[in-house]
Amino acid sequence: MTIRQREIGDVVVLDIDGKIMGGVDSELFQETIQSLIDSGKRKVVVNLENVKWINSTGLGVLIAGYSALQKSGGRLKLLQVSERVEGLLNITKLSTIFESYQGEDEAVESFV
């Protein structure tokens, strides 16, 4: 998994490529989220357009990032979730927790 970070106004977009499966992925994601929190960034959109696979540990990675941001007064939202990942979010009822958007502008503007 790789993470590319970019900013649109005061919103940070994390473009994820590859599979989210825990282990090293978990450490990389948590370090990225913690770095954003430490630098005062509280609005994060995770772009999953190029994530074709996520396992239960990977879902835990997203939940941990969501929780860390919540505790610091921030919010994490998902962008361009594939059908497969969306199915997992629905089965696990995590779709009731995560806000998910198909368009980047819509996701960014949802923080206002």
N, C-alpha and C. Protein backbone atom coordinates (compact mmCIF):
# COMPACT_ATOMS: atom_id res chain seq x y z
N MET A 1 0.85 -1.18 0.00
CA MET A 1 0.00 0.00 0.00
C MET A 1 0.89 1.24 0.00
N THR A 2 0.48 2.23 -0.79
CA THR A 2 1.16 3.52 -0.77
C THR A 2 0.13 4.60 -0.48
N ILE A 3 0.60 5.68 0.13
CA ILE A 3 -0.28 6.80 0.46
C ILE A 3 0.34 8.07 -0.13
N ARG A 4 -0.45 8.76 -0.93
CA ARG A 4 -0.05 10.07 -1.44
C ARG A 4 -0.95 11.10 -0.77
N GLN A 5 -0.36 12.15 -0.26
CA GLN A 5 -1.09 13.16 0.51
C GLN A 5 -1.13 14.47 -0.26
N ARG A 6 -2.32 15.07 -0.32
CA ARG A 6 -2.46 16.39 -0.94
C ARG A 6 -3.51 17.17 -0.18
N GLU A 7 -3.48 18.48 -0.35
CA GLU A 7 -4.41 19.34 0.38
C GLU A 7 -5.28 20.14 -0.58
N ILE A 8 -6.55 20.24 -0.22
CA ILE A 8 -7.50 21.09 -0.93
C ILE A 8 -8.08 22.00 0.15
N GLY A 9 -7.58 23.23 0.19
CA GLY A 9 -7.96 24.13 1.28
C GLY A 9 -7.47 23.56 2.60
N ASP A 10 -8.38 23.41 3.56
CA ASP A 10 -7.98 22.85 4.85
C ASP A 10 -8.31 21.37 4.97
N VAL A 11 -8.61 20.73 3.85
CA VAL A 11 -8.92 19.29 3.83
C VAL A 11 -7.72 18.54 3.24
N VAL A 12 -7.33 17.47 3.91
CA VAL A 12 -6.25 16.61 3.42
C VAL A 12 -6.87 15.41 2.73
N VAL A 13 -6.45 15.15 1.51
CA VAL A 13 -6.90 13.97 0.78
C VAL A 13 -5.74 12.97 0.77
N LEU A 14 -6.03 11.77 1.23
CA LEU A 14 -5.05 10.69 1.21
C LEU A 14 -5.44 9.73 0.08
N ASP A 15 -4.63 9.68 -0.96
CA ASP A 15 -4.87 8.77 -2.08
C ASP A 15 -4.15 7.46 -1.76
N ILE A 16 -4.93 6.40 -1.58
CA ILE A 16 -4.38 5.10 -1.23
C ILE A 16 -4.30 4.24 -2.49
N ASP A 17 -3.18 3.57 -2.69
CA ASP A 17 -3.01 2.62 -3.79
C ASP A 17 -2.62 1.27 -3.23
N GLY A 18 -3.23 0.22 -3.77
CA GLY A 18 -2.88 -1.13 -3.36
C GLY A 18 -3.92 -1.75 -2.45
N LYS A 19 -3.49 -2.73 -1.69
CA LYS A 19 -4.37 -3.45 -0.78
C LYS A 19 -4.17 -2.92 0.64
N ILE A 20 -5.26 -2.90 1.43
CA ILE A 20 -5.16 -2.52 2.84
C ILE A 20 -5.37 -3.78 3.65
N MET A 21 -4.29 -4.28 4.25
CA MET A 21 -4.37 -5.59 4.89
C MET A 21 -3.75 -5.64 6.29
N GLY A 22 -3.44 -4.52 6.88
CA GLY A 22 -2.86 -4.55 8.22
C GLY A 22 -1.35 -4.64 8.16
N GLY A 23 -0.73 -4.98 9.30
CA GLY A 23 0.73 -5.09 9.36
C GLY A 23 1.40 -3.78 9.05
N VAL A 24 2.27 -3.78 8.05
CA VAL A 24 3.00 -2.58 7.64
C VAL A 24 2.02 -1.50 7.18
N ASP A 25 0.94 -1.93 6.50
CA ASP A 25 -0.08 -0.98 6.05
C ASP A 25 -0.67 -0.22 7.24
N SER A 26 -0.94 -0.95 8.29
CA SER A 26 -1.53 -0.36 9.49
C SER A 26 -0.60 0.70 10.08
N GLU A 27 0.67 0.35 10.19
CA GLU A 27 1.65 1.28 10.75
C GLU A 27 1.76 2.54 9.89
N LEU A 28 1.83 2.37 8.57
CA LEU A 28 1.95 3.51 7.66
C LEU A 28 0.73 4.42 7.77
N PHE A 29 -0.45 3.84 7.78
CA PHE A 29 -1.68 4.63 7.85
C PHE A 29 -1.76 5.37 9.18
N GLN A 30 -1.49 4.67 10.28
CA GLN A 30 -1.57 5.30 11.60
C GLN A 30 -0.53 6.41 11.75
N GLU A 31 0.67 6.19 11.23
CA GLU A 31 1.69 7.24 11.29
C GLU A 31 1.25 8.46 10.48
N THR A 32 0.65 8.23 9.34
CA THR A 32 0.17 9.33 8.50
C THR A 32 -0.92 10.12 9.23
N ILE A 33 -1.90 9.41 9.79
CA ILE A 33 -2.99 10.07 10.52
C ILE A 33 -2.45 10.84 11.72
N GLN A 34 -1.54 10.23 12.47
CA GLN A 34 -0.99 10.89 13.66
C GLN A 34 -0.20 12.13 13.27
N SER A 35 0.52 12.06 12.16
CA SER A 35 1.28 13.21 11.67
C SER A 35 0.32 14.36 11.31
N LEU A 36 -0.80 14.02 10.69
CA LEU A 36 -1.79 15.05 10.35
C LEU A 36 -2.36 15.69 11.62
N ILE A 37 -2.70 14.86 12.59
CA ILE A 37 -3.25 15.36 13.86
C ILE A 37 -2.23 16.26 14.55
N ASP A 38 -0.98 15.82 14.58
CA ASP A 38 0.09 16.60 15.23
C ASP A 38 0.30 17.95 14.55
N SER A 39 0.03 18.01 13.24
CA SER A 39 0.23 19.27 12.52
C SER A 39 -1.06 20.10 12.44
N GLY A 40 -2.08 19.67 13.19
CA GLY A 40 -3.31 20.45 13.28
C GLY A 40 -4.33 20.18 12.19
N LYS A 41 -4.10 19.18 11.37
CA LYS A 41 -5.05 18.83 10.31
C LYS A 41 -6.13 17.93 10.90
N ARG A 42 -7.39 18.31 10.71
CA ARG A 42 -8.49 17.57 11.33
C ARG A 42 -9.55 17.09 10.33
N LYS A 43 -9.40 17.49 9.06
CA LYS A 43 -10.37 17.10 8.03
C LYS A 43 -9.65 16.23 7.01
N VAL A 44 -10.03 14.96 6.98
CA VAL A 44 -9.32 14.00 6.14
C VAL A 44 -10.30 13.21 5.27
N VAL A 45 -9.98 13.14 3.98
CA VAL A 45 -10.72 12.31 3.04
C VAL A 45 -9.76 11.21 2.58
N VAL A 46 -10.19 9.96 2.73
CA VAL A 46 -9.39 8.82 2.28
C VAL A 46 -9.95 8.34 0.95
N ASN A 47 -9.16 8.54 -0.10
CA ASN A 47 -9.56 8.16 -1.45
C ASN A 47 -9.21 6.69 -1.68
N LEU A 48 -10.24 5.86 -1.82
CA LEU A 48 -10.05 4.42 -2.00
C LEU A 48 -10.23 3.98 -3.45
N GLU A 49 -10.17 4.92 -4.38
CA GLU A 49 -10.39 4.60 -5.79
C GLU A 49 -9.47 3.48 -6.28
N ASN A 50 -8.22 3.48 -5.85
CA ASN A 50 -7.25 2.49 -6.32
C ASN A 50 -7.01 1.36 -5.32
N VAL A 51 -7.96 1.18 -4.39
CA VAL A 51 -7.89 0.06 -3.45
C VAL A 51 -8.89 -0.99 -3.93
N LYS A 52 -8.37 -2.11 -4.37
CA LYS A 52 -9.24 -3.16 -4.90
C LYS A 52 -9.52 -4.24 -3.86
N TRP A 53 -8.75 -4.25 -2.78
CA TRP A 53 -8.94 -5.29 -1.77
C TRP A 53 -8.66 -4.73 -0.39
N ILE A 54 -9.51 -5.10 0.54
CA ILE A 54 -9.31 -4.74 1.94
C ILE A 54 -9.83 -5.92 2.76
N ASN A 55 -9.06 -6.35 3.76
CA ASN A 55 -9.53 -7.44 4.61
C ASN A 55 -10.01 -6.89 5.94
N SER A 56 -10.37 -7.77 6.86
CA SER A 56 -10.91 -7.32 8.14
C SER A 56 -9.89 -6.50 8.92
N THR A 57 -8.63 -6.86 8.82
CA THR A 57 -7.59 -6.07 9.49
C THR A 57 -7.49 -4.69 8.85
N GLY A 58 -7.64 -4.64 7.55
CA GLY A 58 -7.63 -3.36 6.84
C GLY A 58 -8.79 -2.48 7.26
N LEU A 59 -9.96 -3.09 7.47
CA LEU A 59 -11.10 -2.32 7.99
C LEU A 59 -10.75 -1.75 9.37
N GLY A 60 -10.05 -2.54 10.16
CA GLY A 60 -9.61 -2.07 11.48
C GLY A 60 -8.67 -0.88 11.37
N VAL A 61 -7.86 -0.87 10.32
CA VAL A 61 -6.94 0.25 10.07
C VAL A 61 -7.75 1.53 9.84
N LEU A 62 -8.78 1.43 9.01
CA LEU A 62 -9.63 2.60 8.75
C LEU A 62 -10.36 3.05 10.01
N ILE A 63 -10.85 2.09 10.78
CA ILE A 63 -11.56 2.41 12.04
C ILE A 63 -10.63 3.11 13.01
N ALA A 64 -9.40 2.63 13.12
CA ALA A 64 -8.42 3.25 14.04
C ALA A 64 -8.14 4.70 13.62
N GLY A 65 -8.00 4.94 12.32
CA GLY A 65 -7.78 6.30 11.83
C GLY A 65 -8.97 7.19 12.10
N TYR A 66 -10.16 6.65 11.87
CA TYR A 66 -11.41 7.36 12.16
C TYR A 66 -11.47 7.75 13.63
N SER A 67 -11.18 6.78 14.50
CA SER A 67 -11.25 7.02 15.95
C SER A 67 -10.22 8.04 16.41
N ALA A 68 -9.01 7.94 15.89
CA ALA A 68 -7.95 8.90 16.27
C ALA A 68 -8.36 10.32 15.90
N LEU A 69 -8.91 10.49 14.71
CA LEU A 69 -9.35 11.81 14.30
C LEU A 69 -10.53 12.29 15.13
N GLN A 70 -11.47 11.41 15.41
CA GLN A 70 -12.63 11.78 16.25
C GLN A 70 -12.17 12.29 17.61
N LYS A 71 -11.23 11.57 18.22
CA LYS A 71 -10.74 11.94 19.56
C LYS A 71 -10.04 13.30 19.55
N SER A 72 -9.49 13.69 18.40
CA SER A 72 -8.79 14.97 18.31
C SER A 72 -9.71 16.07 17.78
N GLY A 73 -11.00 15.76 17.64
CA GLY A 73 -11.95 16.75 17.14
C GLY A 73 -12.05 16.82 15.64
N GLY A 74 -11.50 15.81 14.96
CA GLY A 74 -11.52 15.79 13.51
C GLY A 74 -12.49 14.78 12.95
N ARG A 75 -12.48 14.69 11.61
CA ARG A 75 -13.37 13.74 10.93
C ARG A 75 -12.64 13.10 9.75
N LEU A 76 -12.97 11.85 9.50
CA LEU A 76 -12.43 11.10 8.37
C LEU A 76 -13.60 10.64 7.52
N LYS A 77 -13.49 10.88 6.21
CA LYS A 77 -14.54 10.48 5.28
C LYS A 77 -13.90 9.68 4.15
N LEU A 78 -14.71 8.84 3.50
CA LEU A 78 -14.21 7.98 2.44
C LEU A 78 -14.64 8.50 1.07
N LEU A 79 -13.79 8.27 0.08
CA LEU A 79 -14.05 8.72 -1.28
C LEU A 79 -13.85 7.56 -2.25
N GLN A 80 -14.74 7.46 -3.23
CA GLN A 80 -14.65 6.51 -4.33
C GLN A 80 -14.41 5.08 -3.86
N VAL A 81 -15.32 4.61 -3.02
CA VAL A 81 -15.25 3.25 -2.49
C VAL A 81 -15.72 2.29 -3.59
N SER A 82 -14.92 1.25 -3.85
CA SER A 82 -15.30 0.26 -4.88
C SER A 82 -16.51 -0.55 -4.40
N GLU A 83 -17.16 -1.23 -5.34
CA GLU A 83 -18.32 -2.05 -4.99
C GLU A 83 -17.93 -3.13 -3.97
N ARG A 84 -16.79 -3.74 -4.15
CA ARG A 84 -16.33 -4.81 -3.25
C ARG A 84 -16.14 -4.27 -1.83
N VAL A 85 -15.45 -3.13 -1.71
CA VAL A 85 -15.21 -2.54 -0.39
C VAL A 85 -16.52 -2.04 0.20
N GLU A 86 -17.37 -1.46 -0.62
CA GLU A 86 -18.67 -1.00 -0.14
C GLU A 86 -19.50 -2.18 0.40
N GLY A 87 -19.41 -3.32 -0.26
CA GLY A 87 -20.09 -4.51 0.22
C GLY A 87 -19.61 -4.91 1.61
N LEU A 88 -18.31 -4.85 1.82
CA LEU A 88 -17.76 -5.16 3.15
C LEU A 88 -18.24 -4.16 4.20
N LEU A 89 -18.27 -2.88 3.83
CA LEU A 89 -18.74 -1.86 4.77
C LEU A 89 -20.21 -2.10 5.12
N ASN A 90 -21.00 -2.52 4.16
CA ASN A 90 -22.42 -2.79 4.42
C ASN A 90 -22.60 -4.02 5.30
N ILE A 91 -21.89 -5.09 4.98
CA ILE A 91 -22.01 -6.34 5.76
C ILE A 91 -21.61 -6.12 7.21
N THR A 92 -20.57 -5.34 7.43
CA THR A 92 -20.07 -5.09 8.79
C THR A 92 -20.78 -3.93 9.49
N LYS A 93 -21.74 -3.31 8.77
CA LYS A 93 -22.48 -2.16 9.29
C LYS A 93 -21.61 -0.92 9.47
N LEU A 94 -20.39 -0.96 8.96
CA LEU A 94 -19.51 0.21 9.05
C LEU A 94 -19.97 1.33 8.13
N SER A 95 -20.86 1.01 7.20
CA SER A 95 -21.41 2.05 6.33
C SER A 95 -22.25 3.04 7.12
N THR A 96 -22.66 2.66 8.32
CA THR A 96 -23.40 3.58 9.18
C THR A 96 -22.46 4.51 9.94
N ILE A 97 -21.18 4.18 9.96
CA ILE A 97 -20.17 4.98 10.66
C ILE A 97 -19.47 5.95 9.69
N PHE A 98 -19.00 5.40 8.58
CA PHE A 98 -18.24 6.19 7.62
C PHE A 98 -19.15 6.92 6.65
N GLU A 99 -18.87 8.21 6.45
CA GLU A 99 -19.52 8.95 5.37
C GLU A 99 -18.71 8.64 4.11
N SER A 100 -19.41 8.32 3.04
CA SER A 100 -18.76 7.93 1.80
C SER A 100 -19.29 8.77 0.64
N TYR A 101 -18.38 9.20 -0.22
CA TYR A 101 -18.73 10.06 -1.35
C TYR A 101 -18.11 9.51 -2.63
N GLN A 102 -18.77 9.74 -3.75
CA GLN A 102 -18.22 9.32 -5.04
C GLN A 102 -17.44 10.44 -5.72
N GLY A 103 -17.77 11.70 -5.41
CA GLY A 103 -17.08 12.83 -6.01
C GLY A 103 -16.18 13.55 -5.01
N GLU A 104 -14.97 13.89 -5.45
CA GLU A 104 -14.03 14.56 -4.56
C GLU A 104 -14.54 15.92 -4.09
N ASP A 105 -15.10 16.71 -5.00
CA ASP A 105 -15.63 18.02 -4.60
C ASP A 105 -16.69 17.88 -3.53
N GLU A 106 -17.58 16.92 -3.71
CA GLU A 106 -18.65 16.69 -2.74
C GLU A 106 -18.06 16.29 -1.38
N ALA A 107 -17.05 15.44 -1.39
CA ALA A 107 -16.43 15.00 -0.13
C ALA A 107 -15.78 16.18 0.59
N VAL A 108 -15.02 16.99 -0.16
CA VAL A 108 -14.33 18.15 0.43
C VAL A 108 -15.35 19.15 0.97
N GLU A 109 -16.38 19.43 0.19
CA GLU A 109 -17.38 20.42 0.60
C GLU A 109 -18.23 19.94 1.77
N SER A 110 -18.27 18.65 2.02
CA SER A 110 -19.09 18.12 3.12
C SER A 110 -18.56 18.53 4.49
N PHE A 111 -17.35 19.03 4.57
CA PHE A 111 -16.79 19.45 5.85
C PHE A 111 -17.29 20.83 6.28
N VAL A 112 -17.91 21.57 5.36
CA VAL A 112 -18.36 22.93 5.68
C VAL A 112 -19.62 22.89 6.54
